[in-house]
Structure formats: structure tokens, C-alpha cells
Amino acid sequence: MEINKITPAMQNELRKLDGGSRKADSMQAAAGGGAVDRSEFSADGKKQREIKGEMQIISSMVDAQPDVRTDKVAAARARVSMGFYNTESFAEKLAAKLAANLV
């Protein structure tokens, strides 16, 4: 059954059930007899939606990156094989950086 028009008698009955005219008025509007309900996103909501989209793009870009940076691993292996990390100058630099981070 389709309701095209709510009669005044029906509105009165609805008011009794609802305790007010709000429900009857919105039903009348939905039936084509008045104002139309609408909703909008707030500026904050729109901004959050944009940020969420940007975060999804960034997340997919990060996921596309390899887990291991083979160029860095190869450079570190070469330094180990040459004994770079076993020198006193490296040990002093490392100690100085550790001490600076502790303070």
C-alpha cells in the first residue's frame, strides 16, 4: 500500500500516538506534501574523509615497498667484510653517539 497523502484526521491520530506533530509532519513531507529532509557532511566530516583517503593511499604505497632494502644490506655486508666496524675510530664514534643519546 502506498501512502500519497496523509489526511488531517490521520495527522491527528499520529499526533496522539507520537505525542506531537513532528512524526506526522515528516510523513507528510515524505509523501510529497512539503519540505524534504536532507543531510550534509560538516566541514570537519569532509576533512576527515579526505584525510582517511590520503591515509589509505599512503598505506598502500608503504605496503608496496619491499621489506628488506637490499642495497643497504649489501653495503653493510661489504663494510663487515672489510672490517670497518672493527676499527677504533668507529667504536669511538659509536660510543659518542650512545653517550649523547643518554643525556
PDB file of N, CA and C in Angstrom:
ATOM      1  N   MET A   1       0.849  -1.175   0.000  1.00  0.00           N
ATOM      2  CA  MET A   1       0.000   0.000   0.000  1.00  0.00           C
ATOM      3  C   MET A   1       0.896   1.239   0.000  1.00  0.00           C
ATOM      4  N   GLU A   2       0.613   2.168  -0.872  1.00  0.00           N
ATOM      5  CA  GLU A   2       1.383   3.393  -0.986  1.00  0.00           C
ATOM      6  C   GLU A   2       0.580   4.552  -0.406  1.00  0.00           C
ATOM      7  N   ILE A   3       1.215   5.347   0.430  1.00  0.00           N
ATOM      8  CA  ILE A   3       0.552   6.497   1.027  1.00  0.00           C
ATOM      9  C   ILE A   3       0.957   7.732   0.232  1.00  0.00           C
ATOM     10  N   ASN A   4      -0.002   8.339  -0.423  1.00  0.00           N
ATOM     11  CA  ASN A   4       0.281   9.535  -1.211  1.00  0.00           C
ATOM     12  C   ASN A   4      -0.063  10.806  -0.462  1.00  0.00           C
ATOM     13  N   LYS A   5      -1.041  10.730   0.406  1.00  0.00           N
ATOM     14  CA  LYS A   5      -1.449  11.916   1.136  1.00  0.00           C
ATOM     15  C   LYS A   5      -1.955  11.504   2.510  1.00  0.00           C
ATOM     16  N   ILE A   6      -1.510  12.234   3.502  1.00  0.00           N
ATOM     17  CA  ILE A   6      -1.971  11.986   4.864  1.00  0.00           C
ATOM     18  C   ILE A   6      -3.054  13.016   5.158  1.00  0.00           C
ATOM     19  N   THR A   7      -4.209  12.526   5.476  1.00  0.00           N
ATOM     20  CA  THR A   7      -5.343  13.415   5.746  1.00  0.00           C
ATOM     21  C   THR A   7      -5.208  14.046   7.117  1.00  0.00           C
ATOM     22  N   PRO A   8      -5.905  15.163   7.359  1.00  0.00           N
ATOM     23  CA  PRO A   8      -5.863  15.785   8.692  1.00  0.00           C
ATOM     24  C   PRO A   8      -6.285  14.823   9.800  1.00  0.00           C
ATOM     25  N   ALA A   9      -7.245  13.978   9.535  1.00  0.00           N
ATOM     26  CA  ALA A   9      -7.680  13.011  10.544  1.00  0.00           C
ATOM     27  C   ALA A   9      -6.542  12.038  10.875  1.00  0.00           C
ATOM     28  N   MET A  10      -5.817  11.617   9.849  1.00  0.00           N
ATOM     29  CA  MET A  10      -4.679  10.722  10.063  1.00  0.00           C
ATOM     30  C   MET A  10      -3.573  11.448  10.843  1.00  0.00           C
ATOM     31  N   GLN A  11      -3.370  12.731  10.539  1.00  0.00           N
ATOM     32  CA  GLN A  11      -2.362  13.508  11.260  1.00  0.00           C
ATOM     33  C   GLN A  11      -2.703  13.580  12.740  1.00  0.00           C
ATOM     34  N   ASN A  12      -3.975  13.811  13.041  1.00  0.00           N
ATOM     35  CA  ASN A  12      -4.400  13.882  14.447  1.00  0.00           C
ATOM     36  C   ASN A  12      -4.139  12.565  15.159  1.00  0.00           C
ATOM     37  N   GLU A  13      -4.452  11.459  14.515  1.00  0.00           N
ATOM     38  CA  GLU A  13      -4.209  10.150  15.126  1.00  0.00           C
ATOM     39  C   GLU A  13      -2.712   9.917  15.340  1.00  0.00           C
ATOM     40  N   LEU A  14      -1.915  10.329  14.358  1.00  0.00           N
ATOM     41  CA  LEU A  14      -0.474  10.178  14.503  1.00  0.00           C
ATOM     42  C   LEU A  14       0.059  11.039  15.637  1.00  0.00           C
ATOM     43  N   ARG A  15      -0.490  12.246  15.792  1.00  0.00           N
ATOM     44  CA  ARG A  15      -0.066  13.124  16.893  1.00  0.00           C
ATOM     45  C   ARG A  15      -0.366  12.486  18.242  1.00  0.00           C
ATOM     46  N   LYS A  16      -1.490  11.825  18.323  1.00  0.00           N
ATOM     47  CA  LYS A  16      -1.846  11.154  19.573  1.00  0.00           C
ATOM     48  C   LYS A  16      -0.843  10.043  19.880  1.00  0.00           C
ATOM     49  N   LEU A  17      -0.480   9.304  18.868  1.00  0.00           N
ATOM     50  CA  LEU A  17       0.474   8.219  19.061  1.00  0.00           C
ATOM     51  C   LEU A  17       1.875   8.745  19.353  1.00  0.00           C
ATOM     52  N   ASP A  18       2.258   9.811  18.653  1.00  0.00           N
ATOM     53  CA  ASP A  18       3.612  10.354  18.746  1.00  0.00           C
ATOM     54  C   ASP A  18       3.752  11.325  19.911  1.00  0.00           C
ATOM     55  N   GLY A  19       2.692  11.948  20.285  1.00  0.00           N
ATOM     56  CA  GLY A  19       2.768  12.955  21.321  1.00  0.00           C
ATOM     57  C   GLY A  19       3.132  14.322  20.755  1.00  0.00           C
ATOM     58  N   GLY A  20       3.102  14.485  19.490  1.00  0.00           N
ATOM     59  CA  GLY A  20       3.445  15.756  18.861  1.00  0.00           C
ATOM     60  C   GLY A  20       3.241  15.676  17.363  1.00  0.00           C
ATOM     61  N   SER A  21       3.583  16.747  16.692  1.00  0.00           N
ATOM     62  CA  SER A  21       3.327  16.817  15.259  1.00  0.00           C
ATOM     63  C   SER A  21       4.541  16.453  14.412  1.00  0.00           C
ATOM     64  N   ARG A  22       5.688  16.233  15.033  1.00  0.00           N
ATOM     65  CA  ARG A  22       6.912  16.027  14.266  1.00  0.00           C
ATOM     66  C   ARG A  22       6.819  14.826  13.329  1.00  0.00           C
ATOM     67  N   LYS A  23       6.337  13.710  13.829  1.00  0.00           N
ATOM     68  CA  LYS A  23       6.262  12.497  13.025  1.00  0.00           C
ATOM     69  C   LYS A  23       5.266  12.652  11.880  1.00  0.00           C
ATOM     70  N   ALA A  24       4.137  13.223  12.160  1.00  0.00           N
ATOM     71  CA  ALA A  24       3.131  13.421  11.123  1.00  0.00           C
ATOM     72  C   ALA A  24       3.636  14.377  10.052  1.00  0.00           C
ATOM     73  N   ASP A  25       4.302  15.441  10.468  1.00  0.00           N
ATOM     74  CA  ASP A  25       4.822  16.408   9.509  1.00  0.00           C
ATOM     75  C   ASP A  25       5.888  15.789   8.620  1.00  0.00           C
ATOM     76  N   SER A  26       6.759  14.960   9.186  1.00  0.00           N
ATOM     77  CA  SER A  26       7.801  14.338   8.371  1.00  0.00           C
ATOM     78  C   SER A  26       7.201  13.315   7.417  1.00  0.00           C
ATOM     79  N   MET A  27       6.144  12.633   7.846  1.00  0.00           N
ATOM     80  CA  MET A  27       5.482  11.686   6.958  1.00  0.00           C
ATOM     81  C   MET A  27       4.788  12.422   5.823  1.00  0.00           C
ATOM     82  N   GLN A  28       4.196  13.572   6.115  1.00  0.00           N
ATOM     83  CA  GLN A  28       3.542  14.385   5.084  1.00  0.00           C
ATOM     84  C   GLN A  28       4.585  14.848   4.070  1.00  0.00           C
ATOM     85  N   ALA A  29       5.754  15.268   4.554  1.00  0.00           N
ATOM     86  CA  ALA A  29       6.814  15.725   3.658  1.00  0.00           C
ATOM     87  C   ALA A  29       7.295  14.573   2.788  1.00  0.00           C
ATOM     88  N   ALA A  30       7.412  13.394   3.376  1.00  0.00           N
ATOM     89  CA  ALA A  30       7.859  12.237   2.611  1.00  0.00           C
ATOM     90  C   ALA A  30       6.838  11.835   1.564  1.00  0.00           C
ATOM     91  N   ALA A  31       5.588  12.090   1.826  1.00  0.00           N
ATOM     92  CA  ALA A  31       4.525  11.744   0.891  1.00  0.00           C
ATOM     93  C   ALA A  31       4.378  12.794  -0.204  1.00  0.00           C
ATOM     94  N   GLY A  32       5.228  13.802  -0.197  1.00  0.00           N
ATOM     95  CA  GLY A  32       5.196  14.796  -1.256  1.00  0.00           C
ATOM     96  C   GLY A  32       4.409  16.031  -0.896  1.00  0.00           C
ATOM     97  N   GLY A  33       4.125  16.243   0.362  1.00  0.00           N
ATOM     98  CA  GLY A  33       3.304  17.371   0.734  1.00  0.00           C
ATOM     99  C   GLY A  33       4.049  18.511   1.389  1.00  0.00           C
ATOM    100  N   GLY A  34       5.360  18.589   1.278  1.00  0.00           N
ATOM    101  CA  GLY A  34       6.054  19.681   1.941  1.00  0.00           C
ATOM    102  C   GLY A  34       7.554  19.611   1.786  1.00  0.00           C
ATOM    103  N   ALA A  35       8.233  20.095   2.792  1.00  0.00           N
ATOM    104  CA  ALA A  35       9.687  20.173   2.759  1.00  0.00           C
ATOM    105  C   ALA A  35      10.308  18.780   2.697  1.00  0.00           C
ATOM    106  N   VAL A  36      11.487  18.711   2.171  1.00  0.00           N
ATOM    107  CA  VAL A  36      12.195  17.451   2.023  1.00  0.00           C
ATOM    108  C   VAL A  36      13.339  17.406   3.032  1.00  0.00           C
ATOM    109  N   ASP A  37      13.471  16.271   3.717  1.00  0.00           N
ATOM    110  CA  ASP A  37      14.580  16.087   4.637  1.00  0.00           C
ATOM    111  C   ASP A  37      15.868  15.931   3.849  1.00  0.00           C
ATOM    112  N   ARG A  38      16.968  16.436   4.402  1.00  0.00           N
ATOM    113  CA  ARG A  38      18.259  16.261   3.759  1.00  0.00           C
ATOM    114  C   ARG A  38      19.342  16.277   4.824  1.00  0.00           C
ATOM    115  N   SER A  39      20.480  15.780   4.462  1.00  0.00           N
ATOM    116  CA  SER A  39      21.610  15.796   5.385  1.00  0.00           C
ATOM    117  C   SER A  39      22.860  16.209   4.625  1.00  0.00           C
ATOM    118  N   GLU A  40      23.804  16.771   5.364  1.00  0.00           N
ATOM    119  CA  GLU A  40      25.062  17.215   4.784  1.00  0.00           C
ATOM    120  C   GLU A  40      26.190  16.825   5.725  1.00  0.00           C
ATOM    121  N   PHE A  41      27.372  16.612   5.157  1.00  0.00           N
ATOM    122  CA  PHE A  41      28.546  16.396   5.980  1.00  0.00           C
ATOM    123  C   PHE A  41      29.052  17.751   6.446  1.00  0.00           C
ATOM    124  N   SER A  42      29.483  17.824   7.682  1.00  0.00           N
ATOM    125  CA  SER A  42      30.087  19.052   8.180  1.00  0.00           C
ATOM    126  C   SER A  42      31.458  19.227   7.542  1.00  0.00           C
ATOM    127  N   ALA A  43      32.026  20.403   7.688  1.00  0.00           N
ATOM    128  CA  ALA A  43      33.365  20.648   7.152  1.00  0.00           C
ATOM    129  C   ALA A  43      34.376  19.702   7.799  1.00  0.00           C
ATOM    130  N   ASP A  44      34.210  19.458   9.106  1.00  0.00           N
ATOM    131  CA  ASP A  44      35.106  18.528   9.795  1.00  0.00           C
ATOM    132  C   ASP A  44      34.948  17.115   9.245  1.00  0.00           C
ATOM    133  N   GLY A  45      33.723  16.718   8.986  1.00  0.00           N
ATOM    134  CA  GLY A  45      33.471  15.390   8.425  1.00  0.00           C
ATOM    135  C   GLY A  45      34.090  15.234   7.049  1.00  0.00           C
ATOM    136  N   LYS A  46      33.965  16.274   6.228  1.00  0.00           N
ATOM    137  CA  LYS A  46      34.570  16.235   4.897  1.00  0.00           C
ATOM    138  C   LYS A  46      36.087  16.140   4.996  1.00  0.00           C
ATOM    139  N   LYS A  47      36.679  16.902   5.919  1.00  0.00           N
ATOM    140  CA  LYS A  47      38.127  16.886   6.099  1.00  0.00           C
ATOM    141  C   LYS A  47      38.591  15.510   6.571  1.00  0.00           C
ATOM    142  N   GLN A  48      37.848  14.908   7.506  1.00  0.00           N
ATOM    143  CA  GLN A  48      38.203  13.576   7.992  1.00  0.00           C
ATOM    144  C   GLN A  48      38.127  12.553   6.867  1.00  0.00           C
ATOM    145  N   ARG A  49      37.146  12.693   5.997  1.00  0.00           N
ATOM    146  CA  ARG A  49      37.003  11.781   4.868  1.00  0.00           C
ATOM    147  C   ARG A  49      38.192  11.927   3.920  1.00  0.00           C
ATOM    148  N   GLU A  50      38.619  13.172   3.663  1.00  0.00           N
ATOM    149  CA  GLU A  50      39.785  13.417   2.807  1.00  0.00           C
ATOM    150  C   GLU A  50      41.044  12.818   3.427  1.00  0.00           C
ATOM    151  N   ILE A  51      41.224  13.034   4.735  1.00  0.00           N
ATOM    152  CA  ILE A  51      42.401  12.509   5.426  1.00  0.00           C
ATOM    153  C   ILE A  51      42.408  10.983   5.381  1.00  0.00           C
ATOM    154  N   LYS A  52      41.244  10.384   5.573  1.00  0.00           N
ATOM    155  CA  LYS A  52      41.155   8.925   5.536  1.00  0.00           C
ATOM    156  C   LYS A  52      41.564   8.411   4.160  1.00  0.00           C
ATOM    157  N   GLY A  53      41.129   9.079   3.102  1.00  0.00           N
ATOM    158  CA  GLY A  53      41.511   8.682   1.750  1.00  0.00           C
ATOM    159  C   GLY A  53      43.001   8.820   1.521  1.00  0.00           C
ATOM    160  N   GLU A  54      43.576   9.927   2.011  1.00  0.00           N
ATOM    161  CA  GLU A  54      45.019  10.137   1.873  1.00  0.00           C
ATOM    162  C   GLU A  54      45.799   9.072   2.646  1.00  0.00           C
ATOM    163  N   MET A  55      45.321   8.734   3.836  1.00  0.00           N
ATOM    164  CA  MET A  55      45.996   7.719   4.644  1.00  0.00           C
ATOM    165  C   MET A  55      45.952   6.346   3.952  1.00  0.00           C
ATOM    166  N   GLN A  56      44.851   6.042   3.297  1.00  0.00           N
ATOM    167  CA  GLN A  56      44.751   4.774   2.577  1.00  0.00           C
ATOM    168  C   GLN A  56      45.748   4.735   1.420  1.00  0.00           C
ATOM    169  N   ILE A  57      45.914   5.862   0.726  1.00  0.00           N
ATOM    170  CA  ILE A  57      46.878   5.936  -0.372  1.00  0.00           C
ATOM    171  C   ILE A  57      48.295   5.747   0.164  1.00  0.00           C
ATOM    172  N   ILE A  58      48.621   6.453   1.244  1.00  0.00           N
ATOM    173  CA  ILE A  58      49.960   6.336   1.837  1.00  0.00           C
ATOM    174  C   ILE A  58      50.202   4.912   2.324  1.00  0.00           C
ATOM    175  N   SER A  59      49.206   4.322   2.955  1.00  0.00           N
ATOM    176  CA  SER A  59      49.339   2.956   3.466  1.00  0.00           C
ATOM    177  C   SER A  59      49.600   1.978   2.333  1.00  0.00           C
ATOM    178  N   SER A  60      48.912   2.130   1.212  1.00  0.00           N
ATOM    179  CA  SER A  60      49.144   1.224   0.089  1.00  0.00           C
ATOM    180  C   SER A  60      50.522   1.441  -0.519  1.00  0.00           C
ATOM    181  N   MET A  61      51.016   2.695  -0.506  1.00  0.00           N
ATOM    182  CA  MET A  61      52.365   2.963  -1.001  1.00  0.00           C
ATOM    183  C   MET A  61      53.411   2.304  -0.103  1.00  0.00           C
ATOM    184  N   VAL A  62      53.218   2.374   1.205  1.00  0.00           N
ATOM    185  CA  VAL A  62      54.147   1.754   2.146  1.00  0.00           C
ATOM    186  C   VAL A  62      54.119   0.236   1.980  1.00  0.00           C
ATOM    187  N   ASP A  63      52.908  -0.309   1.832  1.00  0.00           N
ATOM    188  CA  ASP A  63      52.780  -1.763   1.660  1.00  0.00           C
ATOM    189  C   ASP A  63      53.468  -2.242   0.384  1.00  0.00           C
ATOM    190  N   ALA A  64      53.568  -1.379  -0.618  1.00  0.00           N
ATOM    191  CA  ALA A  64      54.188  -1.757  -1.889  1.00  0.00           C
ATOM    192  C   ALA A  64      55.709  -1.789  -1.807  1.00  0.00           C
ATOM    193  N   GLN A  65      56.272  -1.176  -0.772  1.00  0.00           N
ATOM    194  CA  GLN A  65      57.729  -1.151  -0.620  1.00  0.00           C
ATOM    195  C   GLN A  65      58.222  -2.517  -0.140  1.00  0.00           C
ATOM    196  N   PRO A  66      59.423  -2.910  -0.569  1.00  0.00           N
ATOM    197  CA  PRO A  66      59.963  -4.196  -0.105  1.00  0.00           C
ATOM    198  C   PRO A  66      60.299  -4.130   1.383  1.00  0.00           C
ATOM    199  N   ASP A  67      60.213  -5.283   2.037  1.00  0.00           N
ATOM    200  CA  ASP A  67      60.508  -5.357   3.471  1.00  0.00           C
ATOM    201  C   ASP A  67      61.995  -5.182   3.759  1.00  0.00           C
ATOM    202  N   VAL A  68      62.845  -5.578   2.818  1.00  0.00           N
ATOM    203  CA  VAL A  68      64.290  -5.515   3.005  1.00  0.00           C
ATOM    204  C   VAL A  68      64.882  -4.620   1.923  1.00  0.00           C
ATOM    205  N   ARG A  69      65.674  -3.651   2.350  1.00  0.00           N
ATOM    206  CA  ARG A  69      66.355  -2.781   1.388  1.00  0.00           C
ATOM    207  C   ARG A  69      67.678  -3.434   1.034  1.00  0.00           C
ATOM    208  N   THR A  70      67.680  -4.159  -0.045  1.00  0.00           N
ATOM    209  CA  THR A  70      68.841  -4.969  -0.428  1.00  0.00           C
ATOM    210  C   THR A  70      70.090  -4.127  -0.651  1.00  0.00           C
ATOM    211  N   ASP A  71      69.937  -2.875  -1.108  1.00  0.00           N
ATOM    212  CA  ASP A  71      71.112  -2.029  -1.311  1.00  0.00           C
ATOM    213  C   ASP A  71      71.800  -1.709   0.012  1.00  0.00           C
ATOM    214  N   LYS A  72      71.006  -1.442   1.059  1.00  0.00           N
ATOM    215  CA  LYS A  72      71.579  -1.155   2.375  1.00  0.00           C
ATOM    216  C   LYS A  72      72.226  -2.404   2.977  1.00  0.00           C
ATOM    217  N   VAL A  73      71.596  -3.548   2.788  1.00  0.00           N
ATOM    218  CA  VAL A  73      72.143  -4.800   3.307  1.00  0.00           C
ATOM    219  C   VAL A  73      73.471  -5.103   2.628  1.00  0.00           C
ATOM    220  N   ALA A  74      73.526  -4.904   1.318  1.00  0.00           N
ATOM    221  CA  ALA A  74      74.766  -5.169   0.582  1.00  0.00           C
ATOM    222  C   ALA A  74      75.887  -4.240   1.056  1.00  0.00           C
ATOM    223  N   ALA A  75      75.594  -2.977   1.287  1.00  0.00           N
ATOM    224  CA  ALA A  75      76.605  -2.026   1.763  1.00  0.00           C
ATOM    225  C   ALA A  75      77.108  -2.412   3.150  1.00  0.00           C
ATOM    226  N   ALA A  76      76.195  -2.830   4.028  1.00  0.00           N
ATOM    227  CA  ALA A  76      76.594  -3.236   5.382  1.00  0.00           C
ATOM    228  C   ALA A  76      77.455  -4.490   5.336  1.00  0.00           C
ATOM    229  N   ARG A  77      77.094  -5.443   4.484  1.00  0.00           N
ATOM    230  CA  ARG A  77      77.896  -6.667   4.362  1.00  0.00           C
ATOM    231  C   ARG A  77      79.306  -6.347   3.854  1.00  0.00           C
ATOM    232  N   ALA A  78      79.394  -5.424   2.925  1.00  0.00           N
ATOM    233  CA  ALA A  78      80.710  -5.042   2.396  1.00  0.00           C
ATOM    234  C   ALA A  78      81.556  -4.410   3.495  1.00  0.00           C
ATOM    235  N   ARG A  79      80.950  -3.563   4.332  1.00  0.00           N
ATOM    236  CA  ARG A  79      81.689  -2.935   5.438  1.00  0.00           C
ATOM    237  C   ARG A  79      82.152  -3.974   6.450  1.00  0.00           C
ATOM    238  N   VAL A  80      81.298  -4.953   6.740  1.00  0.00           N
ATOM    239  CA  VAL A  80      81.667  -6.012   7.681  1.00  0.00           C
ATOM    240  C   VAL A  80      82.846  -6.796   7.121  1.00  0.00           C
ATOM    241  N   SER A  81      82.761  -7.153   5.851  1.00  0.00           N
ATOM    242  CA  SER A  81      83.841  -7.959   5.256  1.00  0.00           C
ATOM    243  C   SER A  81      85.159  -7.191   5.189  1.00  0.00           C
ATOM    244  N   MET A  82      85.112  -5.853   5.115  1.00  0.00           N
ATOM    245  CA  MET A  82      86.327  -5.038   5.084  1.00  0.00           C
ATOM    246  C   MET A  82      86.826  -4.716   6.492  1.00  0.00           C
ATOM    247  N   GLY A  83      86.061  -5.087   7.535  1.00  0.00           N
ATOM    248  CA  GLY A  83      86.475  -4.825   8.908  1.00  0.00           C
ATOM    249  C   GLY A  83      86.202  -3.402   9.374  1.00  0.00           C
ATOM    250  N   PHE A  84      85.319  -2.683   8.686  1.00  0.00           N
ATOM    251  CA  PHE A  84      85.014  -1.289   9.031  1.00  0.00           C
ATOM    252  C   PHE A  84      84.519  -1.157  10.466  1.00  0.00           C
ATOM    253  N   TYR A  85      83.684  -2.069  10.908  1.00  0.00           N
ATOM    254  CA  TYR A  85      83.089  -1.966  12.245  1.00  0.00           C
ATOM    255  C   TYR A  85      84.051  -2.399  13.355  1.00  0.00           C
ATOM    256  N   ASN A  86      85.203  -2.945  13.004  1.00  0.00           N
ATOM    257  CA  ASN A  86      86.189  -3.393  13.997  1.00  0.00           C
ATOM    258  C   ASN A  86      87.297  -2.363  14.216  1.00  0.00           C
ATOM    259  N   THR A  87      87.115  -1.161  13.740  1.00  0.00           N
ATOM    260  CA  THR A  87      88.156  -0.132  13.899  1.00  0.00           C
ATOM    261  C   THR A  87      87.900   0.692  15.149  1.00  0.00           C
ATOM    262  N   GLU A  88      88.960   1.274  15.659  1.00  0.00           N
ATOM    263  CA  GLU A  88      88.825   2.097  16.865  1.00  0.00           C
ATOM    264  C   GLU A  88      88.063   3.389  16.574  1.00  0.00           C
ATOM    265  N   SER A  89      88.230   3.950  15.394  1.00  0.00           N
ATOM    266  CA  SER A  89      87.522   5.195  15.058  1.00  0.00           C
ATOM    267  C   SER A  89      86.007   4.972  15.040  1.00  0.00           C
ATOM    268  N   PHE A  90      85.581   3.811  14.521  1.00  0.00           N
ATOM    269  CA  PHE A  90      84.148   3.504  14.526  1.00  0.00           C
ATOM    270  C   PHE A  90      83.655   3.328  15.953  1.00  0.00           C
ATOM    271  N   ALA A  91      84.393   2.646  16.770  1.00  0.00           N
ATOM    272  CA  ALA A  91      84.000   2.412  18.159  1.00  0.00           C
ATOM    273  C   ALA A  91      83.872   3.727  18.912  1.00  0.00           C
ATOM    274  N   GLU A  92      84.790   4.670  18.679  1.00  0.00           N
ATOM    275  CA  GLU A  92      84.717   5.981  19.334  1.00  0.00           C
ATOM    276  C   GLU A  92      83.480   6.766  18.889  1.00  0.00           C
ATOM    277  N   LYS A  93      83.209   6.750  17.583  1.00  0.00           N
ATOM    278  CA  LYS A  93      82.017   7.452  17.070  1.00  0.00           C
ATOM    279  C   LYS A  93      80.740   6.850  17.654  1.00  0.00           C
ATOM    280  N   LEU A  94      80.695   5.531  17.700  1.00  0.00           N
ATOM    281  CA  LEU A  94      79.523   4.844  18.249  1.00  0.00           C
ATOM    282  C   LEU A  94      79.345   5.183  19.722  1.00  0.00           C
ATOM    283  N   ALA A  95      80.409   5.159  20.483  1.00  0.00           N
ATOM    284  CA  ALA A  95      80.339   5.485  21.910  1.00  0.00           C
ATOM    285  C   ALA A  95      79.877   6.922  22.133  1.00  0.00           C
ATOM    286  N   ALA A  96      80.372   7.839  21.312  1.00  0.00           N
ATOM    287  CA  ALA A  96      79.977   9.248  21.447  1.00  0.00           C
ATOM    288  C   ALA A  96      78.488   9.427  21.160  1.00  0.00           C
ATOM    289  N   LYS A  97      77.990   8.741  20.139  1.00  0.00           N
ATOM    290  CA  LYS A  97      76.553   8.840  19.817  1.00  0.00           C
ATOM    291  C   LYS A  97      75.690   8.226  20.914  1.00  0.00           C
ATOM    292  N   LEU A  98      76.130   7.116  21.463  1.00  0.00           N
ATOM    293  CA  LEU A  98      75.366   6.484  22.555  1.00  0.00           C
ATOM    294  C   LEU A  98      75.337   7.388  23.778  1.00  0.00           C
ATOM    295  N   ALA A  99      76.470   7.990  24.104  1.00  0.00           N
ATOM    296  CA  ALA A  99      76.544   8.879  25.267  1.00  0.00           C
ATOM    297  C   ALA A  99      75.667  10.110  25.049  1.00  0.00           C
ATOM    298  N   ALA A 100      75.634  10.639  23.842  1.00  0.00           N
ATOM    299  CA  ALA A 100      74.814  11.827  23.550  1.00  0.00           C
ATOM    300  C   ALA A 100      73.325  11.515  23.695  1.00  0.00           C
ATOM    301  N   ASN A 101      72.929  10.299  23.361  1.00  0.00           N
ATOM    302  CA  ASN A 101      71.521   9.908  23.468  1.00  0.00           C
ATOM    303  C   ASN A 101      71.102   9.623  24.902  1.00  0.00           C
ATOM    304  N   LEU A 102      72.044   9.329  25.765  1.00  0.00           N
ATOM    305  CA  LEU A 102      71.723   9.039  27.162  1.00  0.00           C
ATOM    306  C   LEU A 102      71.469  10.306  27.960  1.00  0.00           C
ATOM    307  N   VAL A 103      72.041  11.404  27.527  1.00  0.00           N
ATOM    308  CA  VAL A 103      71.932  12.659  28.283  1.00  0.00           C
ATOM    309  C   VAL A 103      70.671  13.382  27.940  1.00  0.00           C
TER     310      VAL A 103
END
